[in-house]
N, C-alpha and C. Protein backbone atom coordinates (compact mmCIF):
# COMPACT_ATOMS: atom_id res chain seq x y z
N MET A 1 6.75 -51.99 -9.87
CA MET A 1 5.29 -51.97 -9.85
C MET A 1 4.77 -51.54 -8.47
N ILE A 2 5.39 -52.10 -7.40
CA ILE A 2 4.96 -51.74 -6.04
C ILE A 2 5.17 -50.26 -5.80
N LYS A 3 6.33 -49.73 -6.27
CA LYS A 3 6.59 -48.31 -6.11
C LYS A 3 5.55 -47.47 -6.82
N LEU A 4 5.17 -47.91 -8.03
CA LEU A 4 4.17 -47.16 -8.79
C LEU A 4 2.83 -47.14 -8.07
N VAL A 5 2.47 -48.28 -7.45
CA VAL A 5 1.21 -48.36 -6.70
C VAL A 5 1.25 -47.41 -5.51
N LYS A 6 2.40 -47.39 -4.80
CA LYS A 6 2.52 -46.49 -3.64
C LYS A 6 2.42 -45.03 -4.06
N ILE A 7 3.10 -44.68 -5.16
CA ILE A 7 3.05 -43.30 -5.66
C ILE A 7 1.63 -42.92 -6.04
N ALA A 8 0.94 -43.85 -6.73
CA ALA A 8 -0.45 -43.59 -7.13
C ALA A 8 -1.33 -43.39 -5.92
N GLY A 9 -1.06 -44.21 -4.87
CA GLY A 9 -1.85 -44.07 -3.64
C GLY A 9 -1.64 -42.72 -2.97
N LEU A 10 -0.37 -42.28 -2.92
CA LEU A 10 -0.08 -40.98 -2.33
C LEU A 10 -0.70 -39.84 -3.11
N LEU A 11 -0.63 -39.93 -4.43
CA LEU A 11 -1.25 -38.90 -5.28
C LEU A 11 -2.75 -38.87 -5.07
N GLY A 12 -3.32 -40.05 -4.85
CA GLY A 12 -4.76 -40.12 -4.59
C GLY A 12 -5.13 -39.43 -3.31
N LEU A 13 -4.31 -39.63 -2.26
CA LEU A 13 -4.56 -38.98 -0.97
C LEU A 13 -4.45 -37.47 -1.08
N VAL A 14 -3.43 -37.01 -1.83
CA VAL A 14 -3.27 -35.58 -2.03
C VAL A 14 -4.46 -35.00 -2.77
N PHE A 15 -4.92 -35.72 -3.80
CA PHE A 15 -6.07 -35.27 -4.58
C PHE A 15 -7.32 -35.16 -3.72
N VAL A 16 -7.54 -36.18 -2.89
CA VAL A 16 -8.71 -36.18 -2.01
C VAL A 16 -8.64 -35.03 -1.02
N SER A 17 -7.42 -34.77 -0.48
CA SER A 17 -7.24 -33.68 0.47
C SER A 17 -7.54 -32.33 -0.17
N VAL A 18 -7.05 -32.15 -1.39
CA VAL A 18 -7.30 -30.90 -2.11
C VAL A 18 -8.79 -30.72 -2.37
N ILE A 19 -9.46 -31.80 -2.78
CA ILE A 19 -10.90 -31.73 -3.05
C ILE A 19 -11.67 -31.40 -1.78
N ALA A 20 -11.26 -32.03 -0.66
CA ALA A 20 -11.94 -31.79 0.62
C ALA A 20 -11.76 -30.34 1.05
N PHE A 21 -10.55 -29.81 0.88
CA PHE A 21 -10.30 -28.42 1.27
C PHE A 21 -11.11 -27.47 0.41
N ALA A 22 -11.14 -27.75 -0.92
CA ALA A 22 -11.91 -26.91 -1.83
C ALA A 22 -13.40 -26.98 -1.51
N ALA A 23 -13.89 -28.18 -1.16
CA ALA A 23 -15.30 -28.35 -0.81
C ALA A 23 -15.63 -27.57 0.44
N SER A 24 -14.68 -27.58 1.42
CA SER A 24 -14.90 -26.83 2.65
C SER A 24 -15.01 -25.35 2.35
N ASP A 25 -14.11 -24.82 1.51
CA ASP A 25 -14.16 -23.41 1.14
C ASP A 25 -15.46 -23.08 0.43
N HIS A 26 -15.91 -23.99 -0.46
CA HIS A 26 -17.14 -23.75 -1.20
C HIS A 26 -18.34 -23.75 -0.26
N ALA A 27 -18.32 -24.65 0.72
CA ALA A 27 -19.45 -24.75 1.66
C ALA A 27 -19.57 -23.49 2.50
N HIS A 28 -18.45 -22.81 2.74
CA HIS A 28 -18.47 -21.62 3.58
C HIS A 28 -18.28 -20.36 2.75
N GLN A 29 -18.48 -20.47 1.44
CA GLN A 29 -18.33 -19.31 0.56
C GLN A 29 -19.23 -18.18 1.03
N GLY A 30 -18.65 -17.00 1.17
CA GLY A 30 -19.42 -15.85 1.62
C GLY A 30 -19.34 -15.62 3.10
N LYS A 31 -18.87 -16.62 3.87
CA LYS A 31 -18.78 -16.48 5.32
C LYS A 31 -17.45 -15.89 5.77
N PHE A 32 -16.48 -15.86 4.87
CA PHE A 32 -15.19 -15.27 5.17
C PHE A 32 -14.50 -14.89 3.88
N VAL A 33 -13.46 -14.08 4.02
CA VAL A 33 -12.64 -13.66 2.88
C VAL A 33 -11.20 -13.99 3.19
N LYS A 34 -10.49 -14.51 2.21
CA LYS A 34 -9.07 -14.81 2.41
C LYS A 34 -8.25 -13.56 2.11
N LEU A 35 -7.40 -13.19 3.06
CA LEU A 35 -6.57 -12.00 2.89
C LEU A 35 -5.39 -12.30 1.98
N ASP A 36 -5.09 -11.35 1.11
CA ASP A 36 -3.96 -11.50 0.21
C ASP A 36 -3.28 -10.12 0.06
N PRO A 37 -2.11 -9.95 0.66
CA PRO A 37 -1.31 -10.96 1.37
C PRO A 37 -1.80 -11.17 2.80
N SER A 38 -1.34 -12.26 3.39
CA SER A 38 -1.66 -12.52 4.79
C SER A 38 -0.85 -11.58 5.68
N VAL A 39 -1.25 -11.46 6.94
CA VAL A 39 -0.60 -10.54 7.88
C VAL A 39 0.06 -11.36 9.00
N PRO A 40 1.31 -11.07 9.33
CA PRO A 40 1.99 -11.81 10.41
C PRO A 40 1.24 -11.67 11.73
N PRO A 41 1.39 -12.65 12.63
CA PRO A 41 0.69 -12.59 13.92
C PRO A 41 1.11 -11.38 14.74
N LEU A 42 0.17 -10.88 15.55
CA LEU A 42 0.45 -9.73 16.41
C LEU A 42 1.07 -10.14 17.73
N SER A 43 0.62 -11.28 18.25
CA SER A 43 1.10 -11.74 19.55
C SER A 43 2.41 -12.50 19.40
N ASP A 44 3.19 -12.49 20.45
CA ASP A 44 4.48 -13.18 20.43
C ASP A 44 4.54 -14.26 21.50
N ASP A 45 3.36 -14.83 21.82
CA ASP A 45 3.32 -15.84 22.89
C ASP A 45 3.53 -17.26 22.37
N GLY A 46 3.81 -17.38 21.07
CA GLY A 46 4.09 -18.69 20.51
C GLY A 46 2.87 -19.55 20.25
N ALA A 47 1.67 -18.97 20.36
CA ALA A 47 0.45 -19.73 20.13
C ALA A 47 0.38 -20.19 18.67
N ARG A 48 -0.24 -21.32 18.46
CA ARG A 48 -0.35 -21.89 17.11
C ARG A 48 -1.33 -21.09 16.25
N HIS A 49 -2.36 -20.54 16.87
CA HIS A 49 -3.38 -19.79 16.15
C HIS A 49 -3.60 -18.43 16.80
N GLU A 50 -4.12 -17.49 16.00
CA GLU A 50 -4.39 -16.15 16.52
C GLU A 50 -5.73 -15.64 15.99
N VAL A 51 -6.54 -15.11 16.89
CA VAL A 51 -7.81 -14.50 16.54
C VAL A 51 -7.76 -13.04 16.96
N VAL A 52 -8.00 -12.14 16.01
CA VAL A 52 -7.97 -10.70 16.27
C VAL A 52 -9.38 -10.15 16.06
N GLU A 53 -9.89 -9.45 17.07
CA GLU A 53 -11.19 -8.79 16.95
C GLU A 53 -11.00 -7.29 16.82
N LEU A 54 -11.51 -6.71 15.74
CA LEU A 54 -11.51 -5.27 15.56
C LEU A 54 -12.86 -4.73 16.00
N PHE A 55 -12.84 -3.67 16.81
CA PHE A 55 -14.07 -3.18 17.41
C PHE A 55 -13.98 -1.68 17.62
N TRP A 56 -15.12 -1.08 18.01
CA TRP A 56 -15.19 0.32 18.41
C TRP A 56 -16.17 0.42 19.57
N TYR A 57 -15.80 1.16 20.60
CA TYR A 57 -16.66 1.26 21.77
C TYR A 57 -18.03 1.86 21.45
N GLY A 58 -18.09 2.72 20.47
CA GLY A 58 -19.37 3.34 20.13
C GLY A 58 -20.26 2.49 19.24
N CYS A 59 -19.79 1.32 18.84
CA CYS A 59 -20.54 0.46 17.91
C CYS A 59 -21.49 -0.45 18.68
N SER A 60 -22.79 -0.32 18.41
CA SER A 60 -23.78 -1.16 19.09
C SER A 60 -23.63 -2.63 18.73
N HIS A 61 -23.18 -2.89 17.50
CA HIS A 61 -22.98 -4.29 17.07
C HIS A 61 -21.80 -4.90 17.84
N CYS A 62 -20.76 -4.11 18.07
CA CYS A 62 -19.61 -4.60 18.85
C CYS A 62 -20.04 -4.89 20.29
N TYR A 63 -20.90 -4.04 20.82
CA TYR A 63 -21.42 -4.24 22.17
C TYR A 63 -22.25 -5.52 22.24
N ASP A 64 -23.07 -5.76 21.23
CA ASP A 64 -23.89 -6.97 21.19
C ASP A 64 -23.04 -8.23 21.02
N PHE A 65 -21.91 -8.08 20.32
CA PHE A 65 -21.03 -9.24 20.08
C PHE A 65 -20.17 -9.55 21.30
N GLU A 66 -19.97 -8.56 22.17
CA GLU A 66 -19.04 -8.71 23.30
C GLU A 66 -19.32 -9.94 24.16
N PRO A 67 -20.56 -10.22 24.57
CA PRO A 67 -20.78 -11.43 25.40
C PRO A 67 -20.38 -12.72 24.69
N HIS A 68 -20.57 -12.76 23.38
CA HIS A 68 -20.25 -13.97 22.61
C HIS A 68 -18.73 -14.17 22.53
N ILE A 69 -18.00 -13.10 22.21
CA ILE A 69 -16.55 -13.25 22.08
C ILE A 69 -15.90 -13.45 23.44
N LYS A 70 -16.51 -12.86 24.48
CA LYS A 70 -15.96 -13.02 25.83
C LYS A 70 -16.12 -14.47 26.30
N GLN A 71 -17.28 -15.06 26.03
CA GLN A 71 -17.49 -16.47 26.41
C GLN A 71 -16.57 -17.37 25.61
N TRP A 72 -16.41 -17.08 24.32
CA TRP A 72 -15.50 -17.88 23.49
C TRP A 72 -14.07 -17.78 24.04
N LYS A 73 -13.67 -16.58 24.43
CA LYS A 73 -12.32 -16.37 24.95
C LYS A 73 -12.08 -17.22 26.19
N GLN A 74 -13.08 -17.31 27.05
CA GLN A 74 -12.94 -18.08 28.28
C GLN A 74 -12.80 -19.57 28.02
N ASN A 75 -13.34 -20.03 26.90
CA ASN A 75 -13.35 -21.47 26.61
C ASN A 75 -12.44 -21.87 25.44
N LYS A 76 -11.70 -20.92 24.89
CA LYS A 76 -10.87 -21.21 23.72
C LYS A 76 -9.76 -22.19 24.07
N ALA A 77 -9.23 -22.83 23.05
CA ALA A 77 -8.12 -23.77 23.24
C ALA A 77 -6.87 -23.02 23.68
N ASP A 78 -5.99 -23.73 24.37
CA ASP A 78 -4.78 -23.11 24.90
C ASP A 78 -3.83 -22.65 23.81
N ASP A 79 -3.92 -23.24 22.62
CA ASP A 79 -3.00 -22.87 21.55
C ASP A 79 -3.55 -21.76 20.67
N VAL A 80 -4.59 -21.07 21.14
CA VAL A 80 -5.18 -19.95 20.40
C VAL A 80 -4.98 -18.66 21.19
N SER A 81 -4.37 -17.67 20.55
CA SER A 81 -4.16 -16.36 21.17
C SER A 81 -5.27 -15.42 20.70
N PHE A 82 -5.81 -14.63 21.63
CA PHE A 82 -6.86 -13.67 21.30
C PHE A 82 -6.34 -12.26 21.49
N VAL A 83 -6.53 -11.41 20.47
CA VAL A 83 -6.05 -10.03 20.51
C VAL A 83 -7.19 -9.11 20.11
N ARG A 84 -7.44 -8.09 20.92
CA ARG A 84 -8.39 -7.04 20.53
C ARG A 84 -7.62 -5.92 19.84
N LEU A 85 -8.24 -5.34 18.81
CA LEU A 85 -7.63 -4.22 18.10
C LEU A 85 -8.69 -3.15 17.88
N PRO A 86 -8.56 -1.98 18.55
CA PRO A 86 -9.54 -0.92 18.34
C PRO A 86 -9.42 -0.34 16.93
N ALA A 87 -10.53 -0.31 16.22
CA ALA A 87 -10.53 0.21 14.86
C ALA A 87 -10.49 1.73 14.88
N ILE A 88 -9.83 2.32 13.88
CA ILE A 88 -9.71 3.77 13.80
C ILE A 88 -10.05 4.20 12.38
N PHE A 89 -11.23 4.78 12.21
CA PHE A 89 -11.65 5.27 10.90
C PHE A 89 -11.81 6.78 10.85
N ASN A 90 -11.80 7.43 12.02
CA ASN A 90 -11.94 8.88 12.08
C ASN A 90 -11.44 9.36 13.45
N PRO A 91 -11.34 10.68 13.66
CA PRO A 91 -10.81 11.19 14.93
C PRO A 91 -11.60 10.74 16.17
N ARG A 92 -12.91 10.62 16.04
CA ARG A 92 -13.72 10.18 17.19
C ARG A 92 -13.34 8.77 17.60
N TRP A 93 -13.18 7.88 16.62
CA TRP A 93 -12.80 6.51 16.91
C TRP A 93 -11.40 6.46 17.51
N GLU A 94 -10.54 7.38 17.08
CA GLU A 94 -9.17 7.39 17.61
C GLU A 94 -9.15 7.70 19.10
N GLN A 95 -10.08 8.54 19.56
CA GLN A 95 -10.16 8.85 20.99
C GLN A 95 -10.42 7.58 21.81
N HIS A 96 -11.31 6.74 21.32
CA HIS A 96 -11.61 5.48 22.01
C HIS A 96 -10.43 4.51 21.93
N ALA A 97 -9.74 4.52 20.80
CA ALA A 97 -8.56 3.65 20.67
C ALA A 97 -7.48 4.08 21.66
N ARG A 98 -7.31 5.39 21.83
CA ARG A 98 -6.32 5.89 22.79
C ARG A 98 -6.70 5.46 24.21
N ALA A 99 -7.99 5.52 24.51
CA ALA A 99 -8.44 5.09 25.83
C ALA A 99 -8.14 3.62 26.05
N TYR A 100 -8.39 2.80 25.02
CA TYR A 100 -8.12 1.36 25.11
C TYR A 100 -6.65 1.11 25.43
N TYR A 101 -5.75 1.76 24.67
CA TYR A 101 -4.33 1.51 24.85
C TYR A 101 -3.81 2.11 26.16
N ALA A 102 -4.39 3.22 26.59
CA ALA A 102 -4.00 3.79 27.87
C ALA A 102 -4.36 2.84 29.00
N LEU A 103 -5.56 2.30 28.95
CA LEU A 103 -5.98 1.34 29.97
C LEU A 103 -5.11 0.09 29.95
N GLU A 104 -4.75 -0.34 28.76
CA GLU A 104 -3.89 -1.52 28.62
C GLU A 104 -2.54 -1.27 29.28
N LEU A 105 -1.94 -0.13 29.01
CA LEU A 105 -0.63 0.19 29.58
C LEU A 105 -0.69 0.39 31.08
N MET A 106 -1.84 0.82 31.58
CA MET A 106 -2.02 1.03 33.01
C MET A 106 -2.31 -0.26 33.77
N GLY A 107 -2.63 -1.32 33.04
CA GLY A 107 -3.02 -2.56 33.69
C GLY A 107 -4.46 -2.59 34.12
N ASP A 108 -5.28 -1.68 33.58
CA ASP A 108 -6.69 -1.59 33.95
C ASP A 108 -7.62 -1.94 32.79
N LEU A 109 -7.11 -2.69 31.82
CA LEU A 109 -7.88 -2.90 30.60
C LEU A 109 -9.16 -3.69 30.82
N GLU A 110 -9.09 -4.79 31.53
CA GLU A 110 -10.28 -5.63 31.67
C GLU A 110 -11.42 -4.87 32.33
N THR A 111 -11.10 -4.10 33.37
CA THR A 111 -12.12 -3.31 34.05
C THR A 111 -12.58 -2.15 33.17
N GLY A 112 -11.63 -1.41 32.63
CA GLY A 112 -11.96 -0.23 31.83
C GLY A 112 -12.69 -0.56 30.55
N HIS A 113 -12.34 -1.68 29.93
CA HIS A 113 -12.99 -2.12 28.69
C HIS A 113 -14.50 -2.30 28.92
N ASP A 114 -14.85 -3.02 29.97
CA ASP A 114 -16.26 -3.24 30.29
C ASP A 114 -16.96 -1.94 30.68
N LEU A 115 -16.24 -1.07 31.41
CA LEU A 115 -16.83 0.19 31.84
C LEU A 115 -17.19 1.08 30.66
N LEU A 116 -16.31 1.18 29.67
CA LEU A 116 -16.58 2.04 28.52
C LEU A 116 -17.75 1.51 27.70
N PHE A 117 -17.81 0.20 27.50
CA PHE A 117 -18.94 -0.38 26.78
C PHE A 117 -20.25 -0.12 27.53
N SER A 118 -20.26 -0.38 28.83
CA SER A 118 -21.50 -0.22 29.60
C SER A 118 -21.87 1.25 29.74
N GLY A 119 -20.88 2.12 29.90
CA GLY A 119 -21.14 3.54 30.03
C GLY A 119 -21.83 4.12 28.81
N ILE A 120 -21.39 3.69 27.64
CA ILE A 120 -21.95 4.20 26.39
C ILE A 120 -23.29 3.55 26.07
N HIS A 121 -23.37 2.23 26.17
CA HIS A 121 -24.55 1.52 25.65
C HIS A 121 -25.60 1.20 26.70
N GLU A 122 -25.24 1.18 27.96
CA GLU A 122 -26.21 0.90 29.01
C GLU A 122 -26.63 2.18 29.75
N GLN A 123 -25.67 3.07 29.92
CA GLN A 123 -25.96 4.30 30.66
C GLN A 123 -26.21 5.50 29.78
N GLY A 124 -25.97 5.34 28.47
CA GLY A 124 -26.23 6.42 27.53
C GLY A 124 -25.30 7.61 27.66
N ARG A 125 -24.10 7.39 28.13
CA ARG A 125 -23.15 8.49 28.31
C ARG A 125 -22.44 8.81 27.00
N SER A 126 -22.13 10.08 26.81
CA SER A 126 -21.39 10.52 25.62
C SER A 126 -19.90 10.55 25.96
N LEU A 127 -19.28 9.43 25.89
CA LEU A 127 -17.86 9.30 26.23
C LEU A 127 -17.05 9.39 24.95
N ASN A 128 -16.91 10.61 24.44
CA ASN A 128 -16.30 10.80 23.12
C ASN A 128 -14.96 11.51 23.14
N ASP A 129 -14.51 11.95 24.33
CA ASP A 129 -13.23 12.66 24.39
C ASP A 129 -12.51 12.33 25.69
N LEU A 130 -11.30 12.83 25.81
CA LEU A 130 -10.46 12.53 26.97
C LEU A 130 -11.13 12.94 28.28
N ASP A 131 -11.67 14.17 28.33
CA ASP A 131 -12.25 14.66 29.58
C ASP A 131 -13.41 13.81 30.06
N SER A 132 -14.34 13.50 29.16
CA SER A 132 -15.51 12.73 29.57
C SER A 132 -15.12 11.32 30.00
N MET A 133 -14.18 10.70 29.28
CA MET A 133 -13.76 9.34 29.64
C MET A 133 -12.96 9.34 30.92
N ALA A 134 -12.10 10.32 31.10
CA ALA A 134 -11.27 10.38 32.31
C ALA A 134 -12.14 10.55 33.55
N ARG A 135 -13.13 11.43 33.48
CA ARG A 135 -14.01 11.64 34.63
C ARG A 135 -14.85 10.41 34.93
N PHE A 136 -15.35 9.78 33.87
CA PHE A 136 -16.18 8.58 34.04
C PHE A 136 -15.37 7.44 34.65
N LEU A 137 -14.18 7.22 34.16
CA LEU A 137 -13.34 6.14 34.68
C LEU A 137 -12.90 6.42 36.11
N ALA A 138 -12.62 7.70 36.40
CA ALA A 138 -12.22 8.07 37.76
C ALA A 138 -13.34 7.80 38.75
N ALA A 139 -14.59 7.98 38.31
CA ALA A 139 -15.73 7.70 39.18
C ALA A 139 -15.87 6.22 39.45
N ASN A 140 -15.13 5.42 38.68
CA ASN A 140 -15.16 3.96 38.85
C ASN A 140 -13.79 3.43 39.27
N ASP A 141 -13.08 4.28 40.04
CA ASP A 141 -11.84 3.87 40.72
C ASP A 141 -10.64 3.62 39.80
N ILE A 142 -10.62 4.27 38.65
CA ILE A 142 -9.42 4.22 37.80
C ILE A 142 -8.73 5.58 37.88
N ASP A 143 -7.44 5.55 38.13
CA ASP A 143 -6.64 6.75 38.38
C ASP A 143 -6.77 7.76 37.23
N GLU A 144 -7.41 8.90 37.50
CA GLU A 144 -7.67 9.89 36.45
C GLU A 144 -6.38 10.54 35.95
N ALA A 145 -5.52 10.95 36.85
CA ALA A 145 -4.28 11.62 36.44
C ALA A 145 -3.41 10.69 35.59
N LYS A 146 -3.31 9.45 36.01
CA LYS A 146 -2.50 8.48 35.26
C LYS A 146 -3.12 8.20 33.90
N PHE A 147 -4.45 8.12 33.86
CA PHE A 147 -5.12 7.88 32.59
C PHE A 147 -4.87 9.04 31.62
N ARG A 148 -5.01 10.27 32.09
CA ARG A 148 -4.78 11.43 31.24
C ARG A 148 -3.35 11.47 30.72
N GLU A 149 -2.40 11.18 31.57
CA GLU A 149 -0.99 11.19 31.18
C GLU A 149 -0.70 10.10 30.14
N THR A 150 -1.22 8.91 30.38
CA THR A 150 -0.94 7.78 29.48
C THR A 150 -1.66 7.96 28.15
N PHE A 151 -2.85 8.53 28.19
CA PHE A 151 -3.67 8.75 27.00
C PHE A 151 -2.89 9.49 25.91
N SER A 152 -2.07 10.46 26.34
CA SER A 152 -1.33 11.31 25.38
C SER A 152 0.15 10.93 25.29
N SER A 153 0.49 9.75 25.77
CA SER A 153 1.90 9.35 25.82
C SER A 153 2.42 8.88 24.47
N PHE A 154 3.75 8.84 24.37
CA PHE A 154 4.40 8.34 23.15
C PHE A 154 4.08 6.86 22.93
N ALA A 155 3.98 6.12 24.02
CA ALA A 155 3.69 4.68 23.90
C ALA A 155 2.33 4.45 23.27
N VAL A 156 1.33 5.25 23.65
CA VAL A 156 0.00 5.13 23.04
C VAL A 156 0.04 5.58 21.59
N GLU A 157 0.78 6.65 21.31
CA GLU A 157 0.90 7.14 19.93
C GLU A 157 1.47 6.05 19.03
N THR A 158 2.47 5.33 19.53
CA THR A 158 3.06 4.24 18.76
C THR A 158 2.04 3.15 18.46
N LYS A 159 1.23 2.81 19.45
CA LYS A 159 0.21 1.78 19.27
C LYS A 159 -0.88 2.26 18.30
N ILE A 160 -1.22 3.52 18.35
CA ILE A 160 -2.22 4.08 17.44
C ILE A 160 -1.73 3.97 15.99
N ASN A 161 -0.50 4.34 15.75
CA ASN A 161 0.06 4.26 14.40
C ASN A 161 0.10 2.83 13.89
N ARG A 162 0.44 1.91 14.78
CA ARG A 162 0.46 0.49 14.41
C ARG A 162 -0.94 0.00 14.09
N ALA A 163 -1.93 0.41 14.88
CA ALA A 163 -3.31 -0.01 14.64
C ALA A 163 -3.80 0.48 13.27
N LYS A 164 -3.48 1.71 12.92
CA LYS A 164 -3.89 2.25 11.62
C LYS A 164 -3.27 1.45 10.48
N GLN A 165 -2.02 1.07 10.65
CA GLN A 165 -1.34 0.27 9.64
C GLN A 165 -2.01 -1.10 9.48
N LEU A 166 -2.34 -1.73 10.61
CA LEU A 166 -2.96 -3.05 10.57
C LEU A 166 -4.35 -3.01 9.94
N ILE A 167 -5.11 -1.95 10.20
CA ILE A 167 -6.45 -1.82 9.62
C ILE A 167 -6.36 -1.80 8.10
N ARG A 168 -5.33 -1.11 7.58
CA ARG A 168 -5.12 -1.11 6.13
C ARG A 168 -4.74 -2.49 5.63
N GLN A 169 -3.87 -3.17 6.35
CA GLN A 169 -3.43 -4.50 5.94
C GLN A 169 -4.57 -5.52 5.99
N TYR A 170 -5.42 -5.40 7.00
CA TYR A 170 -6.56 -6.31 7.14
C TYR A 170 -7.70 -5.96 6.17
N GLN A 171 -7.60 -4.77 5.54
CA GLN A 171 -8.62 -4.33 4.58
C GLN A 171 -10.01 -4.29 5.24
N VAL A 172 -10.04 -3.72 6.43
CA VAL A 172 -11.28 -3.66 7.21
C VAL A 172 -12.02 -2.37 6.91
N THR A 173 -13.34 -2.48 6.72
CA THR A 173 -14.18 -1.31 6.44
C THR A 173 -15.30 -1.16 7.46
N GLY A 174 -15.47 -2.13 8.36
CA GLY A 174 -16.52 -2.06 9.36
C GLY A 174 -16.19 -2.96 10.54
N VAL A 175 -16.95 -2.78 11.62
CA VAL A 175 -16.75 -3.58 12.83
C VAL A 175 -18.10 -4.08 13.35
N PRO A 176 -18.11 -5.17 14.13
CA PRO A 176 -16.94 -5.98 14.50
C PRO A 176 -16.48 -6.87 13.34
N THR A 177 -15.19 -6.96 13.19
CA THR A 177 -14.57 -7.83 12.20
C THR A 177 -13.56 -8.72 12.92
N VAL A 178 -13.46 -9.97 12.49
CA VAL A 178 -12.54 -10.91 13.12
C VAL A 178 -11.55 -11.43 12.08
N ILE A 179 -10.29 -11.43 12.46
CA ILE A 179 -9.21 -11.96 11.61
C ILE A 179 -8.68 -13.23 12.25
N VAL A 180 -8.58 -14.30 11.48
CA VAL A 180 -8.09 -15.57 11.99
C VAL A 180 -6.77 -15.92 11.31
N ASN A 181 -5.75 -16.09 12.15
CA ASN A 181 -4.42 -16.49 11.69
C ASN A 181 -3.83 -15.55 10.64
N GLY A 182 -4.28 -14.30 10.62
CA GLY A 182 -3.76 -13.33 9.65
C GLY A 182 -4.10 -13.67 8.22
N GLU A 183 -4.99 -14.67 8.02
CA GLU A 183 -5.30 -15.14 6.67
C GLU A 183 -6.76 -14.96 6.28
N TYR A 184 -7.65 -15.00 7.26
CA TYR A 184 -9.08 -14.99 6.97
C TYR A 184 -9.78 -13.86 7.72
N LYS A 185 -10.71 -13.20 7.01
CA LYS A 185 -11.48 -12.11 7.58
C LYS A 185 -12.96 -12.47 7.54
N THR A 186 -13.64 -12.28 8.68
CA THR A 186 -15.06 -12.62 8.74
C THR A 186 -15.79 -11.65 9.65
N SER A 187 -17.12 -11.70 9.61
CA SER A 187 -17.94 -10.80 10.43
C SER A 187 -19.30 -11.45 10.65
N ALA A 188 -20.10 -10.86 11.53
CA ALA A 188 -21.42 -11.40 11.83
C ALA A 188 -22.32 -11.34 10.59
N SER A 189 -22.21 -10.28 9.81
CA SER A 189 -23.05 -10.15 8.62
C SER A 189 -22.71 -11.23 7.60
N GLN A 190 -21.44 -11.60 7.51
CA GLN A 190 -21.04 -12.67 6.60
C GLN A 190 -21.45 -14.04 7.14
N ALA A 191 -21.27 -14.23 8.44
CA ALA A 191 -21.54 -15.55 9.05
C ALA A 191 -23.02 -15.81 9.23
N GLY A 192 -23.82 -14.73 9.40
CA GLY A 192 -25.25 -14.91 9.59
C GLY A 192 -25.72 -14.67 11.01
N GLY A 193 -24.85 -14.08 11.85
CA GLY A 193 -25.22 -13.81 13.25
C GLY A 193 -24.03 -14.01 14.16
N TYR A 194 -24.18 -13.61 15.42
CA TYR A 194 -23.07 -13.70 16.36
C TYR A 194 -22.73 -15.14 16.74
N PRO A 195 -23.70 -16.00 17.07
CA PRO A 195 -23.33 -17.40 17.34
C PRO A 195 -22.69 -18.08 16.14
N GLN A 196 -23.21 -17.75 14.95
CA GLN A 196 -22.64 -18.34 13.73
C GLN A 196 -21.22 -17.84 13.49
N LEU A 197 -20.96 -16.58 13.86
CA LEU A 197 -19.61 -16.03 13.70
C LEU A 197 -18.62 -16.79 14.57
N ILE A 198 -19.02 -17.11 15.79
CA ILE A 198 -18.15 -17.92 16.65
C ILE A 198 -17.87 -19.27 16.00
N GLY A 199 -18.89 -19.85 15.37
CA GLY A 199 -18.71 -21.11 14.68
C GLY A 199 -17.74 -21.01 13.53
N VAL A 200 -17.82 -19.92 12.77
CA VAL A 200 -16.90 -19.71 11.65
C VAL A 200 -15.48 -19.53 12.16
N ILE A 201 -15.31 -18.83 13.27
CA ILE A 201 -13.98 -18.66 13.88
C ILE A 201 -13.38 -20.03 14.20
N GLU A 202 -14.17 -20.90 14.80
CA GLU A 202 -13.67 -22.24 15.16
C GLU A 202 -13.34 -23.05 13.90
N GLU A 203 -14.17 -22.91 12.88
CA GLU A 203 -13.92 -23.65 11.63
C GLU A 203 -12.64 -23.17 10.95
N LEU A 204 -12.40 -21.85 10.98
CA LEU A 204 -11.19 -21.32 10.36
C LEU A 204 -9.95 -21.72 11.14
N ILE A 205 -10.07 -21.79 12.46
CA ILE A 205 -8.94 -22.27 13.26
C ILE A 205 -8.63 -23.72 12.89
N ALA A 206 -9.68 -24.51 12.69
CA ALA A 206 -9.49 -25.93 12.35
C ALA A 206 -8.86 -26.12 10.99
N LYS A 207 -9.04 -25.14 10.08
CA LYS A 207 -8.46 -25.26 8.75
C LYS A 207 -6.95 -25.31 8.83
C-alpha cells in the first residue's frame, strides 16, 4: 500500500510538471516556434545554453535591436553562450557576411562590427562591396590589405558555406531572428518588441 501511495505521488508530480510546461507553452504561444529537428550547438565552450542571433548589417531592425542584445550579452549568465550569425539570403548579404567573418578571423570583430552598423545606419554610407568596406574600415584603423586578403580566403568561404547550411536548418526567413538552445526560434515581431524579445530569450533559457 505504501509503495502504491508513493507511485501515485510520483505520477502526480509528473502530471503537474507536464501541465505546467504545457501551460507555459500556451501562455507564450505565438512568441516563439519550436524547431523540428533541433540544431546542435555552434559553440564548443561547454556552456549549458546557447543563444544565436541572425542579423544583417543593412537591416534597420537589426541595428535597432543591437543595443538591446549588446546589453543582454553584457549581463547574461555565465552558463549562456552567445553567437552571432550573419544571415545570407542573396549576394549583397553575402558580402556583409564575408566582412563579418574576415573581421572575426583578424581579431577586429568587436570594433569592425560596430563600425559597419554605424557607417550604414548613422553615416548613410553604401557599404555594399569589398572595396567600399575595405576603404571605410581602413579609415578607422583596420588593416585594409589584411581585410581584403581575409575577405576572399578559404577560411571565410568555409564559414560562409556553414552559415548558409545553418540558415536552412534554422528555417529563417527574416532578421533579426534569435535561436535558443537550437530548439526555439523567436523574433521581435513575434515577441512584441525588442525589450519583450529579450524577455522571451530569458524565458526560453529557463525552460
